[in-house]
N, C-alpha and C. Protein backbone atom coordinates (compact mmCIF):
# COMPACT_ATOMS: atom_id res chain seq x y z
N MET A 1 57.60 -16.43 52.39
CA MET A 1 57.84 -15.78 53.51
C MET A 1 58.77 -15.27 54.10
N ALA A 2 59.09 -14.36 54.37
CA ALA A 2 59.74 -13.23 54.99
C ALA A 2 60.32 -13.42 56.93
N SER A 3 60.88 -13.52 57.07
CA SER A 3 61.94 -13.46 57.58
C SER A 3 61.44 -12.17 58.95
N SER A 4 61.33 -11.82 60.30
CA SER A 4 61.51 -10.78 61.02
C SER A 4 61.66 -9.39 60.94
N ASP A 5 63.27 -10.14 60.60
CA ASP A 5 64.23 -9.64 60.46
C ASP A 5 64.26 -8.21 59.02
N ARG A 6 63.88 -9.20 57.99
CA ARG A 6 64.30 -9.05 56.61
C ARG A 6 62.60 -8.49 56.57
N VAL A 7 61.64 -8.11 57.57
CA VAL A 7 60.86 -7.62 57.42
C VAL A 7 61.01 -5.89 58.13
N ALA A 8 61.81 -6.02 59.16
CA ALA A 8 61.86 -5.09 59.90
C ALA A 8 62.61 -3.67 58.38
N GLU A 9 64.02 -4.89 58.72
CA GLU A 9 64.69 -3.87 57.18
C GLU A 9 63.91 -3.39 56.09
N GLN A 10 62.94 -3.73 54.86
CA GLN A 10 62.30 -3.11 54.50
C GLN A 10 61.51 -2.68 55.26
N LEU A 11 61.35 -2.30 56.60
CA LEU A 11 60.31 -1.15 56.59
C LEU A 11 60.72 -0.14 57.97
N HIS A 12 62.58 -0.20 57.39
CA HIS A 12 63.63 0.82 57.91
C HIS A 12 62.89 0.54 59.80
N LEU A 13 63.11 -0.52 60.01
CA LEU A 13 63.61 -0.82 61.80
C LEU A 13 64.70 -0.15 61.97
N GLY A 14 64.66 -0.35 62.90
CA GLY A 14 65.88 -0.37 64.00
C GLY A 14 66.50 -1.36 64.42
N THR A 15 67.19 -1.96 64.48
CA THR A 15 67.24 -3.22 65.22
C THR A 15 67.40 -2.85 67.31
N GLY A 16 66.61 -3.84 67.43
CA GLY A 16 65.63 -3.97 68.81
C GLY A 16 64.31 -2.63 68.52
N THR A 17 63.87 -2.58 68.18
CA THR A 17 63.01 -1.74 67.87
C THR A 17 61.46 -2.76 66.92
N TYR A 18 62.20 -3.57 67.35
CA TYR A 18 60.90 -4.73 66.58
C TYR A 18 60.50 -6.06 67.62
N ASN A 19 59.61 -6.47 67.43
CA ASN A 19 59.75 -7.84 68.69
C ASN A 19 59.52 -9.17 67.66
N ASN A 20 60.55 -9.83 67.79
CA ASN A 20 60.78 -11.11 66.70
C ASN A 20 60.16 -12.22 67.28
N THR A 21 59.73 -12.07 68.55
CA THR A 21 59.28 -13.19 68.91
C THR A 21 58.06 -13.50 68.58
N LEU A 22 57.27 -12.69 67.78
CA LEU A 22 55.62 -12.77 67.48
C LEU A 22 55.94 -14.09 66.76
N THR A 23 54.60 -14.63 66.52
CA THR A 23 54.29 -16.14 66.24
C THR A 23 53.49 -15.38 64.80
N CYS A 24 53.20 -16.55 63.92
CA CYS A 24 52.39 -16.01 62.37
C CYS A 24 51.33 -15.69 62.79
N MET A 25 50.98 -15.94 63.88
CA MET A 25 49.63 -15.64 64.63
C MET A 25 49.57 -15.11 64.83
N ASP A 26 50.17 -14.18 65.89
CA ASP A 26 50.53 -13.14 65.93
C ASP A 26 50.49 -11.84 64.55
N MET A 27 51.49 -12.73 63.99
CA MET A 27 51.59 -11.24 62.80
C MET A 27 50.33 -11.33 62.30
N ASN A 28 49.29 -12.62 61.93
CA ASN A 28 47.98 -12.23 61.52
C ASN A 28 47.13 -11.01 61.53
N LYS A 29 46.93 -11.30 62.45
CA LYS A 29 46.19 -10.32 63.75
C LYS A 29 46.22 -8.99 63.45
N ILE A 30 47.80 -8.84 63.88
CA ILE A 30 47.99 -7.29 63.37
C ILE A 30 48.25 -6.80 62.22
N ALA A 31 48.02 -8.00 60.92
CA ALA A 31 48.00 -7.37 59.41
C ALA A 31 46.07 -7.02 60.00
N TYR A 32 45.12 -8.47 60.02
CA TYR A 32 44.22 -8.20 59.73
C TYR A 32 44.26 -6.15 60.72
N GLU A 33 44.39 -6.24 61.97
CA GLU A 33 43.95 -5.62 62.24
C GLU A 33 44.21 -4.14 61.76
N THR A 34 44.97 -3.80 61.17
CA THR A 34 46.24 -2.54 60.19
C THR A 34 44.76 -3.10 59.13
N ALA A 35 44.69 -3.84 58.57
CA ALA A 35 44.30 -3.50 56.99
C ALA A 35 42.48 -2.93 57.47
N ILE A 36 41.86 -2.91 58.63
CA ILE A 36 40.61 -2.00 59.05
C ILE A 36 41.40 -0.83 59.63
N GLN A 37 42.50 -0.46 60.36
CA GLN A 37 42.42 0.30 60.12
C GLN A 37 42.52 1.70 59.22
N TYR A 38 43.32 0.90 57.90
CA TYR A 38 43.51 1.77 56.70
C TYR A 38 42.22 1.66 55.67
N LEU A 39 41.14 0.88 56.11
CA LEU A 39 40.08 1.21 55.26
C LEU A 39 39.64 2.34 56.53
N ASN A 40 39.19 2.16 57.84
CA ASN A 40 38.44 3.83 58.37
C ASN A 40 39.09 4.94 58.17
N ARG A 41 40.09 5.08 57.08
CA ARG A 41 40.71 5.57 56.68
C ARG A 41 39.78 7.01 55.62
N THR A 42 38.78 6.12 54.72
CA THR A 42 38.08 6.20 53.94
C THR A 42 36.51 6.60 53.95
N SER A 43 35.62 7.10 52.86
CA SER A 43 34.03 6.47 53.04
C SER A 43 34.42 5.15 52.59
N ALA A 44 35.23 4.47 51.41
CA ALA A 44 34.61 4.19 50.67
C ALA A 44 34.74 2.50 51.66
N GLY A 45 36.13 2.36 52.11
CA GLY A 45 36.67 1.66 53.12
C GLY A 45 35.62 1.63 54.21
N GLN A 46 35.23 2.68 55.03
CA GLN A 46 34.33 2.56 55.60
C GLN A 46 33.23 1.78 55.71
N GLU A 47 32.31 1.99 54.24
CA GLU A 47 31.94 1.36 53.55
C GLU A 47 31.82 0.00 53.54
N ALA A 48 33.34 -0.47 52.78
CA ALA A 48 33.33 -2.18 52.64
C ALA A 48 33.09 -2.60 53.95
N LEU A 49 33.42 -1.88 54.50
CA LEU A 49 34.27 -2.37 56.39
C LEU A 49 32.35 -2.60 56.73
N GLU A 50 31.40 -2.06 56.70
CA GLU A 50 30.24 -2.36 57.17
C GLU A 50 29.70 -3.25 56.29
N ARG A 51 29.64 -3.36 55.10
CA ARG A 51 29.16 -4.34 54.24
C ARG A 51 29.54 -5.65 55.16
N PHE A 52 31.53 -5.66 55.22
CA PHE A 52 31.74 -6.81 55.74
C PHE A 52 31.40 -7.06 57.56
N GLY A 53 30.34 -6.55 57.75
CA GLY A 53 29.84 -6.59 58.99
C GLY A 53 28.65 -7.08 58.84
N GLU A 54 27.85 -6.98 58.22
CA GLU A 54 26.60 -7.54 57.95
C GLU A 54 26.93 -8.25 57.50
N ARG A 55 27.48 -8.71 56.14
CA ARG A 55 27.18 -10.08 55.42
C ARG A 55 28.83 -11.22 55.45
N GLY A 56 29.93 -10.59 55.91
CA GLY A 56 30.83 -11.34 55.92
C GLY A 56 30.84 -12.07 57.42
N ARG A 57 31.81 -12.84 57.54
CA ARG A 57 32.21 -14.08 57.96
C ARG A 57 33.78 -13.40 58.67
N PRO A 58 33.37 -13.51 60.46
CA PRO A 58 34.61 -13.23 61.24
C PRO A 58 35.28 -13.86 60.69
N VAL A 59 37.08 -13.71 61.48
CA VAL A 59 37.70 -14.60 60.83
C VAL A 59 38.78 -15.32 62.55
N CYS A 60 38.43 -16.75 62.43
CA CYS A 60 39.51 -16.83 63.58
C CYS A 60 41.17 -16.82 63.03
N PHE A 61 41.22 -16.86 64.61
CA PHE A 61 43.09 -16.99 64.29
C PHE A 61 42.88 -17.92 65.40
N THR A 62 43.88 -18.99 64.91
CA THR A 62 43.79 -20.53 65.37
C THR A 62 45.97 -20.60 65.62
N PRO A 63 46.00 -20.92 66.65
CA PRO A 63 47.82 -21.18 66.97
C PRO A 63 48.67 -21.69 65.78
N ASP A 64 50.34 -21.22 65.74
CA ASP A 64 51.10 -22.11 64.26
C ASP A 64 51.08 -23.34 64.81
N PHE A 65 51.42 -23.96 63.54
CA PHE A 65 51.19 -25.29 63.75
C PHE A 65 52.83 -25.61 63.40
N ASP A 66 53.78 -26.48 64.08
CA ASP A 66 54.92 -27.06 63.35
C ASP A 66 54.60 -27.62 62.01
N ALA A 67 55.47 -27.11 60.95
CA ALA A 67 55.82 -27.37 60.08
C ALA A 67 56.59 -29.24 60.14
N PRO A 68 56.88 -30.13 59.09
CA PRO A 68 57.28 -31.98 59.45
C PRO A 68 58.66 -31.51 59.70
N GLY A 69 59.02 -32.40 60.30
CA GLY A 69 60.33 -32.11 61.25
C GLY A 69 60.97 -31.43 61.87
N ASN A 70 60.01 -30.10 61.98
CA ASN A 70 59.70 -28.68 62.76
C ASN A 70 61.00 -28.29 61.71
N ILE A 71 61.30 -28.28 60.50
CA ILE A 71 61.66 -26.94 60.05
C ILE A 71 60.71 -26.75 59.00
N GLY A 72 61.06 -25.22 59.32
CA GLY A 72 59.94 -23.80 59.35
C GLY A 72 59.22 -23.63 57.87
N PRO A 73 60.51 -23.26 56.68
CA PRO A 73 60.12 -23.58 55.59
C PRO A 73 59.20 -24.48 54.85
N LEU A 74 59.52 -25.72 55.19
CA LEU A 74 58.73 -26.68 55.08
C LEU A 74 56.67 -26.27 54.77
N TRP A 75 56.92 -25.74 56.48
CA TRP A 75 55.41 -25.96 55.83
C TRP A 75 54.41 -25.22 54.80
N VAL A 76 55.46 -24.80 53.53
CA VAL A 76 55.43 -24.12 52.68
C VAL A 76 55.29 -25.36 51.38
N MET A 77 54.68 -26.60 52.14
CA MET A 77 54.59 -27.59 51.74
C MET A 77 53.57 -28.35 51.67
N ASN A 78 53.02 -27.70 52.63
CA ASN A 78 51.63 -28.58 53.31
C ASN A 78 50.60 -27.35 52.00
N SER A 79 49.33 -27.70 52.22
CA SER A 79 48.49 -26.61 51.45
C SER A 79 47.77 -25.72 52.78
N MET A 80 47.25 -25.40 52.18
CA MET A 80 46.65 -23.54 53.22
C MET A 80 45.49 -24.19 53.82
N THR A 81 44.50 -24.46 54.46
CA THR A 81 42.78 -24.57 54.77
C THR A 81 42.19 -23.74 55.08
N ILE A 82 41.05 -23.52 54.83
CA ILE A 82 39.88 -22.31 55.25
C ILE A 82 38.52 -23.04 55.55
N LYS A 83 38.65 -22.90 57.16
CA LYS A 83 38.17 -24.16 57.85
C LYS A 83 36.58 -23.82 58.25
N ASP A 84 35.30 -24.32 58.07
CA ASP A 84 34.58 -23.29 58.57
C ASP A 84 34.46 -24.26 60.59
N ASP A 85 34.40 -22.97 61.39
CA ASP A 85 34.22 -23.31 63.06
C ASP A 85 32.67 -22.58 63.49
N VAL A 86 32.16 -23.63 63.34
CA VAL A 86 30.97 -23.97 63.29
C VAL A 86 30.09 -23.19 65.15
N LYS A 87 31.34 -23.49 66.20
CA LYS A 87 31.23 -23.81 67.17
C LYS A 87 31.52 -21.76 67.42
N ASN A 88 32.40 -21.45 67.09
CA ASN A 88 32.55 -20.13 66.99
C ASN A 88 32.53 -19.15 66.20
N GLN A 89 31.74 -19.58 65.09
CA GLN A 89 31.16 -18.95 63.80
C GLN A 89 31.68 -18.07 62.92
N CYS A 90 33.02 -18.58 62.68
CA CYS A 90 33.56 -17.92 62.56
C CYS A 90 34.54 -18.59 61.03
N LEU A 91 35.72 -18.56 60.12
CA LEU A 91 36.36 -18.62 59.66
C LEU A 91 37.41 -18.78 59.86
């Protein structure tokens, strides 16, 4: 897990050129959308997206949760779960 400042440093973004108030959910959405943009750049990627559209399951993005004691790094001590959201028909 890297802080927003560390990610910005690795991407060579100058101070004030990024939004460090984004939540994990926001960043996951951006990462998902960026992956789709990259896949759309090639015919193989477009085929994969088409296949995903036909057979894949949409992804639900849920709000962040507070780690035990509200101490950020402690989220690592929990286990990640992937749940079937029948109501919204997504994972």
